[in-house]
Amino acid sequence: MSETSLVAQGLELMIFGMGVVFVFLTMLVFVTGFMSKLVNKFAPEPQPVPAPARAAAPQGVDPQLLKVLSAAVKEHRARQK
C-alpha cells in the first residue's frame, strides 16, 4: 500500500464519519422538535391557579409591642458595649 492511498482512505473515512454524525444530529434536532410539539398537543402544561389573596396586615403598630421591641434593642446594644 502506498502512502497516498492510506491518506486517501483516511480522508474518505473522516468525511464519511463526519457525514454520519451530521445526519444523526440533524435528525435528532427534528425528532426532538416533533416530540416537543406532540407532548404539548396531548399533554399541555396545566394553567397555574392564582394564589388566594391574603388578608391585609393592620395599618397601625401596637404601642405595647413597640415598647417591648425598643426595650429589647436597648438591652441588646447595652450588652454589646
PDB file of N, CA and C in Angstrom:
ATOM      1  N   MET A   1       0.841  -1.179   0.000  1.00  0.00           N
ATOM      2  CA  MET A   1       0.000   0.000   0.000  1.00  0.00           C
ATOM      3  C   MET A   1       0.883   1.238   0.000  1.00  0.00           C
ATOM      4  N   SER A   2       0.507   2.126  -0.829  1.00  0.00           N
ATOM      5  CA  SER A   2       1.290   3.351  -0.877  1.00  0.00           C
ATOM      6  C   SER A   2       0.747   4.343   0.145  1.00  0.00           C
ATOM      7  N   GLU A   3       1.592   5.284   0.429  1.00  0.00           N
ATOM      8  CA  GLU A   3       1.229   6.297   1.427  1.00  0.00           C
ATOM      9  C   GLU A   3       0.068   7.156   0.940  1.00  0.00           C
ATOM     10  N   THR A   4      -0.028   7.380  -0.333  1.00  0.00           N
ATOM     11  CA  THR A   4      -1.094   8.197  -0.904  1.00  0.00           C
ATOM     12  C   THR A   4      -2.445   7.519  -0.730  1.00  0.00           C
ATOM     13  N   SER A   5      -2.502   6.218  -0.918  1.00  0.00           N
ATOM     14  CA  SER A   5      -3.778   5.529  -0.770  1.00  0.00           C
ATOM     15  C   SER A   5      -4.213   5.493   0.692  1.00  0.00           C
ATOM     16  N   LEU A   6      -3.261   5.429   1.616  1.00  0.00           N
ATOM     17  CA  LEU A   6      -3.619   5.458   3.037  1.00  0.00           C
ATOM     18  C   LEU A   6      -4.197   6.815   3.422  1.00  0.00           C
ATOM     19  N   VAL A   7      -3.604   7.875   2.905  1.00  0.00           N
ATOM     20  CA  VAL A   7      -4.108   9.214   3.190  1.00  0.00           C
ATOM     21  C   VAL A   7      -5.494   9.374   2.573  1.00  0.00           C
ATOM     22  N   ALA A   8      -5.674   8.889   1.371  1.00  0.00           N
ATOM     23  CA  ALA A   8      -6.965   8.990   0.705  1.00  0.00           C
ATOM     24  C   ALA A   8      -8.021   8.199   1.476  1.00  0.00           C
ATOM     25  N   GLN A   9      -7.661   7.007   1.945  1.00  0.00           N
ATOM     26  CA  GLN A   9      -8.604   6.201   2.727  1.00  0.00           C
ATOM     27  C   GLN A   9      -8.939   6.900   4.046  1.00  0.00           C
ATOM     28  N   GLY A  10      -7.938   7.510   4.664  1.00  0.00           N
ATOM     29  CA  GLY A  10      -8.168   8.236   5.909  1.00  0.00           C
ATOM     30  C   GLY A  10      -9.111   9.410   5.720  1.00  0.00           C
ATOM     31  N   LEU A  11      -8.889  10.165   4.641  1.00  0.00           N
ATOM     32  CA  LEU A  11      -9.774  11.297   4.356  1.00  0.00           C
ATOM     33  C   LEU A  11     -11.192  10.813   4.036  1.00  0.00           C
ATOM     34  N   GLU A  12     -11.281   9.727   3.283  1.00  0.00           N
ATOM     35  CA  GLU A  12     -12.595   9.174   2.944  1.00  0.00           C
ATOM     36  C   GLU A  12     -13.337   8.727   4.204  1.00  0.00           C
ATOM     37  N   LEU A  13     -12.635   8.062   5.084  1.00  0.00           N
ATOM     38  CA  LEU A  13     -13.241   7.609   6.336  1.00  0.00           C
ATOM     39  C   LEU A  13     -13.647   8.789   7.213  1.00  0.00           C
ATOM     40  N   MET A  14     -12.797   9.825   7.232  1.00  0.00           N
ATOM     41  CA  MET A  14     -13.117  11.015   8.027  1.00  0.00           C
ATOM     42  C   MET A  14     -14.371  11.696   7.496  1.00  0.00           C
ATOM     43  N   ILE A  15     -14.477  11.873   6.204  1.00  0.00           N
ATOM     44  CA  ILE A  15     -15.643  12.527   5.603  1.00  0.00           C
ATOM     45  C   ILE A  15     -16.895  11.693   5.842  1.00  0.00           C
ATOM     46  N   PHE A  16     -16.772  10.373   5.694  1.00  0.00           N
ATOM     47  CA  PHE A  16     -17.915   9.503   5.940  1.00  0.00           C
ATOM     48  C   PHE A  16     -18.378   9.614   7.399  1.00  0.00           C
ATOM     49  N   GLY A  17     -17.441   9.579   8.336  1.00  0.00           N
ATOM     50  CA  GLY A  17     -17.774   9.689   9.759  1.00  0.00           C
ATOM     51  C   GLY A  17     -18.412  11.014  10.106  1.00  0.00           C
ATOM     52  N   MET A  18     -17.863  12.098   9.570  1.00  0.00           N
ATOM     53  CA  MET A  18     -18.438  13.415   9.843  1.00  0.00           C
ATOM     54  C   MET A  18     -19.825  13.539   9.224  1.00  0.00           C
ATOM     55  N   GLY A  19     -20.028  12.933   8.061  1.00  0.00           N
ATOM     56  CA  GLY A  19     -21.347  12.948   7.432  1.00  0.00           C
ATOM     57  C   GLY A  19     -22.373  12.207   8.258  1.00  0.00           C
ATOM     58  N   VAL A  20     -21.965  11.046   8.803  1.00  0.00           N
ATOM     59  CA  VAL A  20     -22.882  10.261   9.639  1.00  0.00           C
ATOM     60  C   VAL A  20     -23.258  11.059  10.880  1.00  0.00           C
ATOM     61  N   VAL A  21     -22.299  11.693  11.509  1.00  0.00           N
ATOM     62  CA  VAL A  21     -22.569  12.486  12.715  1.00  0.00           C
ATOM     63  C   VAL A  21     -23.486  13.667  12.376  1.00  0.00           C
ATOM     64  N   PHE A  22     -23.224  14.328  11.250  1.00  0.00           N
ATOM     65  CA  PHE A  22     -24.055  15.464  10.842  1.00  0.00           C
ATOM     66  C   PHE A  22     -25.496  15.027  10.596  1.00  0.00           C
ATOM     67  N   VAL A  23     -25.679  13.924   9.896  1.00  0.00           N
ATOM     68  CA  VAL A  23     -27.036  13.429   9.616  1.00  0.00           C
ATOM     69  C   VAL A  23     -27.733  13.048  10.915  1.00  0.00           C
ATOM     70  N   PHE A  24     -27.013  12.368  11.815  1.00  0.00           N
ATOM     71  CA  PHE A  24     -27.611  11.962  13.093  1.00  0.00           C
ATOM     72  C   PHE A  24     -28.042  13.175  13.910  1.00  0.00           C
ATOM     73  N   LEU A  25     -27.189  14.176  14.001  1.00  0.00           N
ATOM     74  CA  LEU A  25     -27.536  15.364  14.794  1.00  0.00           C
ATOM     75  C   LEU A  25     -28.688  16.140  14.166  1.00  0.00           C
ATOM     76  N   THR A  26     -28.733  16.207  12.840  1.00  0.00           N
ATOM     77  CA  THR A  26     -29.842  16.877  12.168  1.00  0.00           C
ATOM     78  C   THR A  26     -31.150  16.155  12.453  1.00  0.00           C
ATOM     79  N   MET A  27     -31.122  14.824  12.354  1.00  0.00           N
ATOM     80  CA  MET A  27     -32.327  14.045  12.669  1.00  0.00           C
ATOM     81  C   MET A  27     -32.729  14.238  14.127  1.00  0.00           C
ATOM     82  N   LEU A  28     -31.759  14.310  15.010  1.00  0.00           N
ATOM     83  CA  LEU A  28     -32.035  14.492  16.434  1.00  0.00           C
ATOM     84  C   LEU A  28     -32.753  15.818  16.683  1.00  0.00           C
ATOM     85  N   VAL A  29     -32.343  16.872  16.014  1.00  0.00           N
ATOM     86  CA  VAL A  29     -32.988  18.183  16.174  1.00  0.00           C
ATOM     87  C   VAL A  29     -34.441  18.114  15.730  1.00  0.00           C
ATOM     88  N   PHE A  30     -34.694  17.516  14.552  1.00  0.00           N
ATOM     89  CA  PHE A  30     -36.063  17.443  14.045  1.00  0.00           C
ATOM     90  C   PHE A  30     -36.936  16.537  14.901  1.00  0.00           C
ATOM     91  N   VAL A  31     -36.410  15.409  15.333  1.00  0.00           N
ATOM     92  CA  VAL A  31     -37.202  14.484  16.148  1.00  0.00           C
ATOM     93  C   VAL A  31     -37.521  15.109  17.503  1.00  0.00           C
ATOM     94  N   THR A  32     -36.570  15.818  18.081  1.00  0.00           N
ATOM     95  CA  THR A  32     -36.812  16.482  19.367  1.00  0.00           C
ATOM     96  C   THR A  32     -37.890  17.560  19.228  1.00  0.00           C
ATOM     97  N   GLY A  33     -37.837  18.346  18.156  1.00  0.00           N
ATOM     98  CA  GLY A  33     -38.867  19.360  17.926  1.00  0.00           C
ATOM     99  C   GLY A  33     -40.236  18.731  17.719  1.00  0.00           C
ATOM    100  N   PHE A  34     -40.286  17.626  16.970  1.00  0.00           N
ATOM    101  CA  PHE A  34     -41.551  16.930  16.735  1.00  0.00           C
ATOM    102  C   PHE A  34     -42.112  16.379  18.044  1.00  0.00           C
ATOM    103  N   MET A  35     -41.248  15.790  18.863  1.00  0.00           N
ATOM    104  CA  MET A  35     -41.705  15.242  20.149  1.00  0.00           C
ATOM    105  C   MET A  35     -42.203  16.359  21.060  1.00  0.00           C
ATOM    106  N   SER A  36     -41.570  17.491  21.029  1.00  0.00           N
ATOM    107  CA  SER A  36     -41.998  18.625  21.855  1.00  0.00           C
ATOM    108  C   SER A  36     -43.397  19.081  21.454  1.00  0.00           C
ATOM    109  N   LYS A  37     -43.640  19.185  20.138  1.00  0.00           N
ATOM    110  CA  LYS A  37     -44.974  19.585  19.674  1.00  0.00           C
ATOM    111  C   LYS A  37     -46.014  18.537  20.025  1.00  0.00           C
ATOM    112  N   LEU A  38     -45.630  17.266  19.930  1.00  0.00           N
ATOM    113  CA  LEU A  38     -46.545  16.174  20.234  1.00  0.00           C
ATOM    114  C   LEU A  38     -46.935  16.184  21.715  1.00  0.00           C
ATOM    115  N   VAL A  39     -45.957  16.377  22.575  1.00  0.00           N
ATOM    116  CA  VAL A  39     -46.234  16.398  24.017  1.00  0.00           C
ATOM    117  C   VAL A  39     -47.100  17.604  24.366  1.00  0.00           C
ATOM    118  N   ASN A  40     -46.825  18.753  23.784  1.00  0.00           N
ATOM    119  CA  ASN A  40     -47.632  19.944  24.069  1.00  0.00           C
ATOM    120  C   ASN A  40     -49.059  19.788  23.572  1.00  0.00           C
ATOM    121  N   LYS A  41     -49.251  19.010  22.516  1.00  0.00           N
ATOM    122  CA  LYS A  41     -50.590  18.823  21.984  1.00  0.00           C
ATOM    123  C   LYS A  41     -51.413  17.880  22.863  1.00  0.00           C
ATOM    124  N   PHE A  42     -50.821  16.758  23.283  1.00  0.00           N
ATOM    125  CA  PHE A  42     -51.570  15.738  24.019  1.00  0.00           C
ATOM    126  C   PHE A  42     -51.500  15.891  25.537  1.00  0.00           C
ATOM    127  N   ALA A  43     -50.510  16.561  26.047  1.00  0.00           N
ATOM    128  CA  ALA A  43     -50.389  16.763  27.499  1.00  0.00           C
ATOM    129  C   ALA A  43     -49.950  18.194  27.766  1.00  0.00           C
ATOM    130  N   PRO A  44     -50.843  19.165  27.553  1.00  0.00           N
ATOM    131  CA  PRO A  44     -50.446  20.559  27.751  1.00  0.00           C
ATOM    132  C   PRO A  44     -50.152  20.834  29.225  1.00  0.00           C
ATOM    133  N   GLU A  45     -49.337  21.824  29.430  1.00  0.00           N
ATOM    134  CA  GLU A  45     -48.971  22.215  30.792  1.00  0.00           C
ATOM    135  C   GLU A  45     -50.192  22.822  31.473  1.00  0.00           C
ATOM    136  N   PRO A  46     -50.517  22.400  32.697  1.00  0.00           N
ATOM    137  CA  PRO A  46     -51.706  22.946  33.368  1.00  0.00           C
ATOM    138  C   PRO A  46     -51.542  24.439  33.653  1.00  0.00           C
ATOM    139  N   GLN A  47     -52.653  25.145  33.579  1.00  0.00           N
ATOM    140  CA  GLN A  47     -52.636  26.574  33.848  1.00  0.00           C
ATOM    141  C   GLN A  47     -52.424  26.805  35.344  1.00  0.00           C
ATOM    142  N   PRO A  48     -51.573  27.746  35.709  1.00  0.00           N
ATOM    143  CA  PRO A  48     -51.346  27.994  37.135  1.00  0.00           C
ATOM    144  C   PRO A  48     -52.600  28.555  37.807  1.00  0.00           C
ATOM    145  N   VAL A  49     -52.868  28.061  38.994  1.00  0.00           N
ATOM    146  CA  VAL A  49     -54.022  28.522  39.755  1.00  0.00           C
ATOM    147  C   VAL A  49     -53.588  29.760  40.533  1.00  0.00           C
ATOM    148  N   PRO A  50     -54.349  30.848  40.416  1.00  0.00           N
ATOM    149  CA  PRO A  50     -53.945  32.058  41.147  1.00  0.00           C
ATOM    150  C   PRO A  50     -54.019  31.815  42.653  1.00  0.00           C
ATOM    151  N   ALA A  51     -53.023  32.324  43.351  1.00  0.00           N
ATOM    152  CA  ALA A  51     -52.970  32.168  44.802  1.00  0.00           C
ATOM    153  C   ALA A  51     -54.076  32.997  45.445  1.00  0.00           C
ATOM    154  N   PRO A  52     -54.692  32.464  46.486  1.00  0.00           N
ATOM    155  CA  PRO A  52     -55.740  33.251  47.155  1.00  0.00           C
ATOM    156  C   PRO A  52     -55.137  34.495  47.802  1.00  0.00           C
ATOM    157  N   ALA A  53     -55.898  35.548  47.766  1.00  0.00           N
ATOM    158  CA  ALA A  53     -55.422  36.808  48.328  1.00  0.00           C
ATOM    159  C   ALA A  53     -55.333  36.704  49.849  1.00  0.00           C
ATOM    160  N   ARG A  54     -54.225  37.175  50.361  1.00  0.00           N
ATOM    161  CA  ARG A  54     -54.059  37.164  51.821  1.00  0.00           C
ATOM    162  C   ARG A  54     -54.736  38.389  52.426  1.00  0.00           C
ATOM    163  N   ALA A  55     -55.144  38.234  53.661  1.00  0.00           N
ATOM    164  CA  ALA A  55     -55.770  39.360  54.359  1.00  0.00           C
ATOM    165  C   ALA A  55     -54.721  40.447  54.570  1.00  0.00           C
ATOM    166  N   ALA A  56     -55.119  41.669  54.409  1.00  0.00           N
ATOM    167  CA  ALA A  56     -54.201  42.791  54.563  1.00  0.00           C
ATOM    168  C   ALA A  56     -53.781  42.925  56.029  1.00  0.00           C
ATOM    169  N   ALA A  57     -52.521  43.243  56.227  1.00  0.00           N
ATOM    170  CA  ALA A  57     -51.998  43.434  57.582  1.00  0.00           C
ATOM    171  C   ALA A  57     -52.563  44.734  58.139  1.00  0.00           C
ATOM    172  N   PRO A  58     -52.753  44.782  59.444  1.00  0.00           N
ATOM    173  CA  PRO A  58     -53.274  46.021  60.040  1.00  0.00           C
ATOM    174  C   PRO A  58     -52.295  47.173  59.808  1.00  0.00           C
ATOM    175  N   GLN A  59     -52.839  48.351  59.622  1.00  0.00           N
ATOM    176  CA  GLN A  59     -52.026  49.513  59.286  1.00  0.00           C
ATOM    177  C   GLN A  59     -51.250  50.050  60.488  1.00  0.00           C
ATOM    178  N   GLY A  60     -51.863  50.051  61.655  1.00  0.00           N
ATOM    179  CA  GLY A  60     -51.222  50.622  62.833  1.00  0.00           C
ATOM    180  C   GLY A  60     -50.313  49.619  63.525  1.00  0.00           C
ATOM    181  N   VAL A  61     -49.362  50.141  64.304  1.00  0.00           N
ATOM    182  CA  VAL A  61     -48.456  49.301  65.086  1.00  0.00           C
ATOM    183  C   VAL A  61     -48.928  49.344  66.532  1.00  0.00           C
ATOM    184  N   ASP A  62     -48.977  48.190  67.151  1.00  0.00           N
ATOM    185  CA  ASP A  62     -49.403  48.084  68.546  1.00  0.00           C
ATOM    186  C   ASP A  62     -48.391  48.831  69.422  1.00  0.00           C
ATOM    187  N   PRO A  63     -48.847  49.817  70.209  1.00  0.00           N
ATOM    188  CA  PRO A  63     -47.898  50.593  71.028  1.00  0.00           C
ATOM    189  C   PRO A  63     -47.164  49.731  72.048  1.00  0.00           C
ATOM    190  N   GLN A  64     -47.827  48.744  72.625  1.00  0.00           N
ATOM    191  CA  GLN A  64     -47.168  47.890  73.612  1.00  0.00           C
ATOM    192  C   GLN A  64     -46.058  47.078  72.945  1.00  0.00           C
ATOM    193  N   LEU A  65     -46.303  46.566  71.736  1.00  0.00           N
ATOM    194  CA  LEU A  65     -45.289  45.808  71.001  1.00  0.00           C
ATOM    195  C   LEU A  65     -44.106  46.703  70.675  1.00  0.00           C
ATOM    196  N   LEU A  66     -44.373  47.954  70.327  1.00  0.00           N
ATOM    197  CA  LEU A  66     -43.301  48.893  70.027  1.00  0.00           C
ATOM    198  C   LEU A  66     -42.431  49.142  71.259  1.00  0.00           C
ATOM    199  N   LYS A  67     -43.035  49.254  72.436  1.00  0.00           N
ATOM    200  CA  LYS A  67     -42.273  49.453  73.673  1.00  0.00           C
ATOM    201  C   LYS A  67     -41.408  48.236  73.988  1.00  0.00           C
ATOM    202  N   VAL A  68     -41.968  47.042  73.818  1.00  0.00           N
ATOM    203  CA  VAL A  68     -41.212  45.813  74.099  1.00  0.00           C
ATOM    204  C   VAL A  68     -40.023  45.704  73.153  1.00  0.00           C
ATOM    205  N   LEU A  69     -40.239  45.975  71.871  1.00  0.00           N
ATOM    206  CA  LEU A  69     -39.146  45.892  70.906  1.00  0.00           C
ATOM    207  C   LEU A  69     -38.068  46.929  71.192  1.00  0.00           C
ATOM    208  N   SER A  70     -38.466  48.137  71.561  1.00  0.00           N
ATOM    209  CA  SER A  70     -37.491  49.187  71.886  1.00  0.00           C
ATOM    210  C   SER A  70     -36.648  48.784  73.091  1.00  0.00           C
ATOM    211  N   ALA A  71     -37.287  48.220  74.096  1.00  0.00           N
ATOM    212  CA  ALA A  71     -36.545  47.792  75.280  1.00  0.00           C
ATOM    213  C   ALA A  71     -35.578  46.667  74.930  1.00  0.00           C
ATOM    214  N   ALA A  72     -35.973  45.751  74.083  1.00  0.00           N
ATOM    215  CA  ALA A  72     -35.100  44.638  73.698  1.00  0.00           C
ATOM    216  C   ALA A  72     -33.895  45.153  72.916  1.00  0.00           C
ATOM    217  N   VAL A  73     -34.098  46.121  72.057  1.00  0.00           N
ATOM    218  CA  VAL A  73     -32.988  46.681  71.280  1.00  0.00           C
ATOM    219  C   VAL A  73     -32.022  47.418  72.199  1.00  0.00           C
ATOM    220  N   LYS A  74     -32.555  48.184  73.125  1.00  0.00           N
ATOM    221  CA  LYS A  74     -31.687  48.914  74.063  1.00  0.00           C
ATOM    222  C   LYS A  74     -30.858  47.955  74.896  1.00  0.00           C
ATOM    223  N   GLU A  75     -31.478  46.878  75.385  1.00  0.00           N
ATOM    224  CA  GLU A  75     -30.734  45.910  76.191  1.00  0.00           C
ATOM    225  C   GLU A  75     -29.661  45.204  75.353  1.00  0.00           C
ATOM    226  N   HIS A  76     -29.974  44.891  74.138  1.00  0.00           N
ATOM    227  CA  HIS A  76     -29.004  44.223  73.264  1.00  0.00           C
ATOM    228  C   HIS A  76     -27.800  45.137  73.001  1.00  0.00           C
ATOM    229  N   ARG A  77     -28.087  46.408  72.743  1.00  0.00           N
ATOM    230  CA  ARG A  77     -26.989  47.346  72.498  1.00  0.00           C
ATOM    231  C   ARG A  77     -26.142  47.558  73.761  1.00  0.00           C
ATOM    232  N   ALA A  78     -26.798  47.541  74.932  1.00  0.00           N
ATOM    233  CA  ALA A  78     -26.065  47.720  76.186  1.00  0.00           C
ATOM    234  C   ALA A  78     -25.136  46.534  76.437  1.00  0.00           C
ATOM    235  N   ARG A  79     -25.566  45.326  76.086  1.00  0.00           N
ATOM    236  CA  ARG A  79     -24.732  44.129  76.284  1.00  0.00           C
ATOM    237  C   ARG A  79     -23.563  44.100  75.308  1.00  0.00           C
ATOM    238  N   GLN A  80     -23.701  44.721  74.158  1.00  0.00           N
ATOM    239  CA  GLN A  80     -22.656  44.698  73.149  1.00  0.00           C
ATOM    240  C   GLN A  80     -21.487  45.605  73.504  1.00  0.00           C
ATOM    241  N   LYS A  81     -21.698  46.575  74.375  1.00  0.00           N
ATOM    242  CA  LYS A  81     -20.631  47.523  74.753  1.00  0.00           C
ATOM    243  C   LYS A  81     -19.631  46.951  75.670  1.00  0.00           C
TER     244      LYS A  81
END
